[in-house]
């Protein structure tokens, strides 16, 4: 190769590397190179299904998904903890911004002040936000089933949070250190490789060829069905040997512990804050649609959970029966989350369950 050409190629590579190094630390500059922008706090602001982006295999692009909207927790409708009537805790199902989610719908339909947070530990959250109120509130705690054994593995308590005081010099040093060795660098370099104008097409083609020839796919989506528009992807934690899995055999002791811990949290919220709790356990996608892959037996986690909560007098919303008896697809094929029909069905059941309960029904009274 001509020495001059090689020199310019080295210069070009250096410029690209310098751009990558700087841009991951400055989002507008980073997004300038991306075909699909990354928007802070909007993990769901993508064109195709969430699970597609682990491998970028073209067979698993799911077209026609609604674009992400403003999340309820960032809107002017979102109430503070102290002022709210309803306090909603949840995982990504409650903040999946392609659709209006249950907390926002409750605020709109019943003229209620609703505070939502993606958080697993209500007692910690209330303590960290110095909540001291005793006005009655309704707490809706949503968790997809695969996270329930993890969230309620132990009893929830309030942990004392102590902030370490650092000198100005130490804070300045840590700031520089984090800018040079940026904590999110690997994640963002990976995103740049997969989404940049320069590389995304090449990356997708290579990933698709590897899949077609060798069935290579990301370990994060090891179970799949390739069938044109009826292709499916399933997340790894629903099909492994861990407690999150469809296949994990929970002992009766484990189920009792989970239910006891859920009951304990409800009691503590009532005693310490005058909050009435209702749980919304959601089926994982593989629980509902594993039949597109196989006819394996479900470990019956949700039915067993319901039975245990009934025994302890803990309030919950049963959407599992409605979802399993539905002839309509309620979750996206290549995303972990529910679609509009799934949200609609769950929302109607939440409202009906609350209104049918003599303890909770006044919370959905517009005059309360």
Protein backbone atom coordinates (compact mmCIF):
# COMPACT_ATOMS: atom_id res chain seq x y z
CA UNK A 1 0.00 0.00 0.00
CA UNK A 2 1.20 3.51 -0.83
CA UNK A 3 2.76 5.08 2.26
CA UNK A 4 0.81 8.31 1.78
CA UNK A 5 -2.51 6.45 1.53
CA UNK A 6 -1.69 4.47 4.67
CA UNK A 7 -0.87 7.70 6.51
CA UNK A 8 -4.23 9.23 5.59
CA UNK A 9 -6.06 6.07 6.60
CA UNK A 10 -4.35 6.23 9.99
CA UNK A 11 -5.37 9.89 10.30
CA UNK A 12 -8.97 8.99 9.41
CA UNK A 13 -9.03 6.15 11.96
CA UNK A 14 -7.64 8.52 14.57
CA UNK A 15 -10.35 11.10 13.85
CA UNK A 16 -13.08 8.44 14.10
CA UNK A 17 -11.66 7.17 17.41
CA UNK A 18 -11.39 10.70 18.80
CA UNK A 19 -14.97 11.43 17.75
CA UNK A 20 -16.18 8.24 19.43
CA UNK A 21 -14.23 9.04 22.60
CA UNK A 22 -15.68 12.55 22.88
CA UNK A 23 -19.20 11.87 21.61
CA UNK A 24 -20.14 9.22 24.20
CA UNK A 25 -19.68 11.97 26.78
CA UNK A 26 -21.90 14.44 24.92
CA UNK A 27 -25.25 13.00 23.82
CA UNK A 28 -26.14 15.44 20.97
CA UNK A 29 -22.77 14.78 19.33
CA UNK A 30 -23.20 11.03 19.88
CA UNK A 31 -26.67 10.99 18.32
CA UNK A 32 -25.44 12.91 15.28
CA UNK A 33 -23.78 9.68 14.15
CA UNK A 34 -26.74 7.41 14.89
CA UNK A 35 -29.49 6.31 12.55
CA UNK A 36 -31.70 5.78 15.62
CA UNK A 37 -31.04 8.25 18.43
CA UNK A 38 -30.61 7.30 22.04
CA UNK A 39 -32.81 9.47 24.23
CA UNK A 40 -31.90 9.66 27.91
CA UNK A 41 -34.41 7.83 30.15
CA UNK A 42 -36.28 6.53 27.07
CA UNK A 43 -34.95 2.99 26.62
CA UNK A 44 -38.10 2.26 24.55
CA UNK A 45 -37.56 5.04 21.98
CA UNK A 46 -36.63 2.67 19.17
CA UNK A 47 -38.18 1.78 15.84
CA UNK A 48 -38.38 -2.00 16.27
CA UNK A 49 -39.01 -4.37 19.16
CA UNK A 50 -36.77 -3.98 22.20
CA UNK A 51 -35.39 -7.55 21.96
CA UNK A 52 -34.38 -7.06 18.32
CA UNK A 53 -31.59 -4.69 19.35
CA UNK A 54 -29.57 -7.35 21.16
CA UNK A 55 -28.65 -9.03 17.85
CA UNK A 56 -29.98 -6.83 15.01
CA UNK A 57 -31.02 -9.91 13.03
CA UNK A 58 -33.25 -8.68 10.22
CA UNK A 59 -35.74 -11.56 10.55
CA UNK A 60 -36.79 -10.21 13.96
CA UNK A 61 -37.57 -6.62 13.08
CA UNK A 62 -41.12 -5.93 14.24
CA UNK A 63 -42.66 -3.18 12.13
CA UNK A 64 -45.52 -0.88 13.00
CA UNK A 65 -44.78 -0.33 16.69
CA UNK A 66 -46.12 3.03 17.93
CA UNK A 67 -43.46 5.66 18.65
CA UNK A 68 -42.60 6.50 22.25
CA UNK A 69 -44.55 9.34 23.82
CA UNK A 70 -43.84 11.61 26.76
CA UNK A 71 -43.60 9.51 29.89
CA UNK A 72 -46.19 10.24 32.55
CA UNK A 73 -43.56 10.79 35.25
CA UNK A 74 -42.06 13.66 33.22
CA UNK A 75 -45.38 15.32 32.41
CA UNK A 76 -47.14 18.18 34.19
CA UNK A 77 -49.91 15.73 35.14
CA UNK A 78 -47.55 13.80 37.40
CA UNK A 79 -48.21 14.54 41.07
CA UNK A 80 -45.75 14.70 43.96
CA UNK A 81 -45.66 11.98 46.62
CA UNK A 82 -47.12 14.26 49.26
CA UNK A 83 -50.06 15.47 47.13
CA UNK A 84 -51.03 12.27 45.33
CA UNK A 85 -54.12 10.15 45.93
CA UNK A 86 -52.62 7.08 44.25
CA UNK A 87 -48.99 5.98 44.49
CA UNK A 88 -47.93 3.54 41.75
CA UNK A 89 -44.79 1.43 41.89
CA UNK A 90 -43.86 -0.67 38.87
CA UNK A 91 -41.26 -1.98 36.49
CA UNK A 92 -40.87 -1.24 32.78
CA UNK A 93 -44.46 -2.31 32.04
CA UNK A 94 -45.76 0.79 33.82
CA UNK A 95 -43.40 3.15 31.96
CA UNK A 96 -43.51 1.57 28.50
CA UNK A 97 -44.09 4.83 26.69
CA UNK A 98 -45.38 3.52 23.37
CA UNK A 99 -48.82 3.62 25.04
CA UNK A 100 -50.58 5.51 27.81
CA UNK A 101 -50.02 3.38 30.88
CA UNK A 102 -52.27 2.56 33.82
CA UNK A 103 -51.05 5.29 36.24
CA UNK A 104 -51.72 8.02 33.68
CA UNK A 105 -55.09 6.54 32.71
CA UNK A 106 -56.20 6.52 36.34
CA UNK A 107 -55.20 10.17 36.63
CA UNK A 108 -57.13 11.12 33.49
CA UNK A 109 -60.23 8.97 33.86
CA UNK A 110 -60.88 9.56 37.56
CA UNK A 111 -59.39 13.04 37.97
CA UNK A 112 -56.92 11.70 40.51
CA UNK A 113 -53.47 12.86 41.51
CA UNK A 114 -51.11 9.98 40.72
CA UNK A 115 -47.42 9.60 41.49
CA UNK A 116 -45.53 6.85 39.62
CA UNK A 117 -41.99 5.61 40.11
CA UNK A 118 -40.06 2.69 38.66
CA UNK A 119 -38.93 1.30 41.98
CA UNK A 120 -38.93 -2.09 43.72
CA UNK A 121 -38.75 -0.95 47.31
CA UNK A 122 -41.57 1.36 48.48
CA UNK A 123 -40.33 1.70 52.07
CA UNK A 124 -36.90 2.82 50.96
CA UNK A 125 -38.36 5.17 48.39
CA UNK A 126 -40.64 6.86 50.91
CA UNK A 127 -37.82 7.22 53.43
CA UNK A 128 -35.38 8.63 50.87
CA UNK A 129 -37.97 11.22 49.87
CA UNK A 130 -38.65 12.11 53.53
CA UNK A 131 -42.32 11.25 53.25
CA UNK A 132 -44.04 11.86 56.59
CA UNK A 133 -47.72 11.96 55.61
CA UNK A 134 -50.56 9.89 57.01
CA UNK A 135 -53.34 10.91 54.62
CA UNK A 136 -54.95 7.77 53.12
CA UNK A 137 -53.48 6.71 49.78
CA UNK A 138 -53.89 3.76 47.45
CA UNK A 139 -50.66 1.97 46.49
CA UNK A 140 -50.64 -0.07 43.28
CA UNK A 141 -47.53 -2.25 43.06
CA UNK A 142 -47.01 -3.81 39.61
CA UNK A 143 -44.36 -6.45 39.00
CA UNK A 144 -43.98 -8.83 36.09
CA UNK A 145 -43.90 -12.37 37.49
CA UNK A 146 -40.26 -13.11 36.74
CA UNK A 147 -39.14 -10.31 39.07
CA UNK A 148 -41.44 -11.15 41.99
CA UNK A 149 -39.24 -13.94 43.47
CA UNK A 150 -36.29 -11.54 43.40
CA UNK A 151 -38.12 -8.47 44.73
CA UNK A 152 -39.71 -10.41 47.58
CA UNK A 153 -36.91 -12.82 48.37
CA UNK A 154 -36.54 -10.99 51.69
CA UNK A 155 -38.73 -8.77 53.83
CA UNK A 156 -38.56 -5.14 52.82
CA UNK A 157 -37.30 -2.67 55.40
CA UNK A 158 -36.21 0.95 55.46
CA UNK A 159 -32.47 1.34 55.08
CA UNK A 160 -30.74 4.42 56.41
CA UNK A 161 -29.06 6.24 53.55
CA UNK A 162 -25.94 8.13 54.54
CA UNK A 163 -24.34 10.49 52.07
CA UNK A 164 -20.57 10.49 52.13
CA UNK A 165 -19.17 14.01 52.40
CA UNK A 166 -16.32 14.62 49.96
CA UNK A 167 -13.93 17.49 49.67
CA UNK A 168 -13.98 19.80 46.66
CA UNK A 169 -10.65 18.37 45.49
CA UNK A 170 -11.92 14.80 45.75
CA UNK A 171 -15.18 15.65 43.95
CA UNK A 172 -13.21 17.34 41.17
CA UNK A 173 -10.86 14.35 40.83
CA UNK A 174 -13.79 11.91 40.67
CA UNK A 175 -15.50 14.06 38.04
CA UNK A 176 -12.41 14.02 35.82
CA UNK A 177 -11.88 10.30 36.44
CA UNK A 178 -15.46 9.51 35.37
CA UNK A 179 -15.13 11.63 32.26
CA UNK A 180 -11.94 9.85 31.18
CA UNK A 181 -13.07 6.36 32.21
CA UNK A 182 -16.74 6.87 31.43
CA UNK A 183 -18.90 4.25 33.24
CA UNK A 184 -21.28 3.80 30.29
CA UNK A 185 -18.57 3.71 27.64
CA UNK A 186 -18.89 0.02 26.68
CA UNK A 187 -22.67 0.25 26.40
CA UNK A 188 -22.48 3.37 24.23
CA UNK A 189 -19.66 2.09 22.00
CA UNK A 190 -21.81 -1.01 21.42
CA UNK A 191 -24.78 1.23 20.52
CA UNK A 192 -22.63 3.25 18.13
CA UNK A 193 -21.49 0.08 16.36
CA UNK A 194 -25.06 -1.17 16.01
CA UNK A 195 -26.87 2.11 15.21
CA UNK A 196 -24.49 4.48 13.44
CA UNK A 197 -25.13 5.52 9.84
CA UNK A 198 -21.78 4.07 8.90
CA UNK A 199 -22.12 0.63 10.48
CA UNK A 200 -25.73 -0.34 11.25
CA UNK A 201 -26.47 -1.75 7.80
CA UNK A 202 -23.26 -3.77 7.70
CA UNK A 203 -23.74 -4.98 11.27
CA UNK A 204 -27.31 -6.13 10.60
CA UNK A 205 -26.35 -8.00 7.44
CA UNK A 206 -23.45 -9.76 9.16
CA UNK A 207 -25.66 -10.67 12.15
CA UNK A 208 -28.34 -12.05 9.85
CA UNK A 209 -25.83 -14.13 7.85
CA UNK A 210 -24.37 -15.55 11.09
CA UNK A 211 -27.88 -16.48 12.19
CA UNK A 212 -28.83 -18.06 8.87
CA UNK A 213 -25.62 -20.08 8.57
CA UNK A 214 -24.84 -20.95 12.18
CA UNK A 215 -28.03 -20.07 14.11
CA UNK A 216 -25.98 -17.57 16.11
CA UNK A 217 -28.07 -15.19 18.22
CA UNK A 218 -27.46 -13.15 21.36
CA UNK A 219 -27.49 -15.13 24.61
CA UNK A 220 -30.02 -12.59 25.87
CA UNK A 221 -32.66 -13.99 23.49
CA UNK A 222 -31.81 -17.71 23.25
CA UNK A 223 -35.36 -18.89 22.53
CA UNK A 224 -36.97 -17.70 19.32
CA UNK A 225 -39.22 -18.55 16.42
CA UNK A 226 -38.34 -17.41 12.91
CA UNK A 227 -41.55 -17.32 10.87
CA UNK A 228 -41.86 -14.11 8.85
CA UNK A 229 -44.30 -11.70 10.49
CA UNK A 230 -45.02 -14.35 13.13
CA UNK A 231 -41.44 -14.40 14.42
CA UNK A 232 -40.92 -14.28 18.19
CA UNK A 233 -38.06 -13.49 20.58
CA UNK A 234 -38.01 -14.37 24.29
CA UNK A 235 -35.75 -12.91 26.97
CA UNK A 236 -33.20 -15.20 28.61
CA UNK A 237 -34.37 -14.81 32.22
CA UNK A 238 -37.71 -16.44 31.37
CA UNK A 239 -36.15 -19.63 30.00
CA UNK A 240 -33.09 -20.28 32.18
CA UNK A 241 -32.66 -22.16 35.48
CA UNK A 242 -32.96 -19.11 37.72
CA UNK A 243 -35.88 -18.10 39.95
CA UNK A 244 -37.09 -15.75 37.21
CA UNK A 245 -37.79 -18.62 34.85
CA UNK A 246 -40.97 -20.24 33.56
CA UNK A 247 -39.33 -23.58 34.38
CA UNK A 248 -38.06 -22.96 37.91
CA UNK A 249 -39.79 -25.22 40.45
CA UNK A 250 -40.54 -23.05 43.46
CA UNK A 251 -40.85 -25.08 46.64
CA UNK A 252 -43.80 -24.47 48.94
CA UNK A 253 -41.36 -22.94 51.42
CA UNK A 254 -40.22 -20.44 48.79
CA UNK A 255 -43.78 -19.59 47.81
CA UNK A 256 -44.75 -19.09 51.47
CA UNK A 257 -41.76 -16.81 51.98
CA UNK A 258 -42.65 -14.67 48.95
CA UNK A 259 -46.29 -14.36 50.01
CA UNK A 260 -45.32 -13.60 53.62
CA UNK A 261 -42.98 -10.85 52.46
CA UNK A 262 -45.65 -9.35 50.21
CA UNK A 263 -48.12 -9.40 53.09
CA UNK A 264 -45.53 -7.87 55.40
CA UNK A 265 -44.94 -4.94 53.02
CA UNK A 266 -48.67 -4.26 52.75
CA UNK A 267 -48.97 -4.27 56.56
CA UNK A 268 -46.02 -1.90 57.01
CA UNK A 269 -47.37 0.59 54.48
CA UNK A 270 -50.72 0.58 56.26
CA UNK A 271 -49.29 0.88 59.77
CA UNK A 272 -46.57 3.44 59.04
CA UNK A 273 -48.16 5.57 56.30
CA UNK A 274 -51.90 4.75 56.21
CA UNK A 275 -51.51 3.40 52.67
CA UNK A 276 -53.68 0.58 51.32
CA UNK A 277 -51.80 -1.76 48.99
CA UNK A 278 -53.01 -3.75 45.99
CA UNK A 279 -50.63 -5.85 43.90
CA UNK A 280 -50.70 -6.26 40.13
CA UNK A 281 -48.63 -9.36 39.24
CA UNK A 282 -48.27 -9.62 35.44
CA UNK A 283 -47.57 -12.76 33.40
CA UNK A 284 -44.23 -12.81 31.60
CA UNK A 285 -44.45 -13.06 27.82
CA UNK A 286 -43.08 -16.62 27.73
CA UNK A 287 -45.75 -17.73 30.21
CA UNK A 288 -48.47 -16.69 27.77
CA UNK A 289 -46.85 -17.49 24.42
CA UNK A 290 -44.37 -20.32 24.96
CA UNK A 291 -46.80 -22.45 22.94
CA UNK A 292 -45.47 -20.87 19.74
CA UNK A 293 -42.25 -22.76 20.61
CA UNK A 294 -43.35 -25.81 22.62
CA UNK A 295 -45.99 -27.29 24.92
CA UNK A 296 -43.85 -27.30 28.08
CA UNK A 297 -45.61 -27.27 31.43
CA UNK A 298 -45.84 -23.97 33.30
CA UNK A 299 -44.58 -23.95 36.89
CA UNK A 300 -47.89 -22.30 37.91
CA UNK A 301 -46.14 -19.47 39.71
CA UNK A 302 -48.99 -16.96 39.39
CA UNK A 303 -51.84 -19.33 40.35
CA UNK A 304 -49.80 -20.45 43.38
CA UNK A 305 -49.04 -16.84 44.24
CA UNK A 306 -52.72 -15.90 44.07
CA UNK A 307 -53.61 -18.79 46.36
CA UNK A 308 -50.97 -17.72 48.87
CA UNK A 309 -52.08 -14.08 48.83
CA UNK A 310 -55.73 -15.12 49.27
CA UNK A 311 -54.74 -17.15 52.32
CA UNK A 312 -53.08 -14.07 53.85
CA UNK A 313 -55.82 -11.62 52.93
CA UNK A 314 -53.54 -9.63 50.61
CA UNK A 315 -55.31 -7.72 47.83
CA UNK A 316 -54.26 -8.28 44.22
CA UNK A 317 -55.52 -8.01 40.64
CA UNK A 318 -55.79 -11.33 38.79
CA UNK A 319 -55.06 -10.66 35.12
CA UNK A 320 -53.51 -14.08 34.48
CA UNK A 321 -56.85 -15.81 33.92
CA UNK A 322 -58.08 -13.08 31.56
CA UNK A 323 -54.82 -13.02 29.63
CA UNK A 324 -54.57 -16.79 29.19
CA UNK A 325 -58.19 -17.05 28.05
CA UNK A 326 -57.83 -14.29 25.48
CA UNK A 327 -57.75 -15.15 21.78
CA UNK A 328 -55.95 -11.87 21.09
CA UNK A 329 -52.17 -11.38 21.19
CA UNK A 330 -51.54 -9.04 24.13
CA UNK A 331 -47.74 -8.69 23.99
CA UNK A 332 -45.38 -7.70 21.18
CA UNK A 333 -43.61 -10.48 19.33
CA UNK A 334 -40.08 -9.11 19.64
CA UNK A 335 -40.49 -6.92 22.71
CA UNK A 336 -40.95 -8.02 26.34
CA UNK A 337 -43.93 -5.73 26.90
CA UNK A 338 -47.66 -5.60 26.39
CA UNK A 339 -49.40 -3.92 23.48
CA UNK A 340 -52.45 -1.66 23.60
CA UNK A 341 -54.89 -4.57 23.88
CA UNK A 342 -52.96 -6.00 26.82
CA UNK A 343 -52.95 -2.66 28.61
CA UNK A 344 -56.67 -2.16 27.96
CA UNK A 345 -57.54 -5.56 29.38
CA UNK A 346 -55.36 -5.09 32.47
CA UNK A 347 -56.65 -1.56 33.07
CA UNK A 348 -60.28 -2.67 33.02
CA UNK A 349 -59.46 -5.45 35.48
CA UNK A 350 -57.57 -3.08 37.80
CA UNK A 351 -60.46 -0.62 37.87
CA UNK A 352 -63.08 -3.37 38.32
CA UNK A 353 -61.10 -5.00 41.15
CA UNK A 354 -60.65 -1.73 43.03
CA UNK A 355 -64.26 -0.66 42.59
CA UNK A 356 -65.54 -4.05 43.76
CA UNK A 357 -63.55 -3.86 47.01
CA UNK A 358 -65.21 -2.10 49.94
CA UNK A 359 -61.83 -1.00 51.34
CA UNK A 360 -60.46 0.42 48.09
CA UNK A 361 -63.45 1.60 46.06
CA UNK A 362 -63.52 5.13 47.50
CA UNK A 363 -60.08 5.80 45.99
CA UNK A 364 -61.66 5.84 42.52
CA UNK A 365 -64.51 8.07 43.58
CA UNK A 366 -63.94 11.43 41.82
CA UNK A 367 -65.20 13.23 44.95
CA UNK A 368 -62.72 11.53 47.30
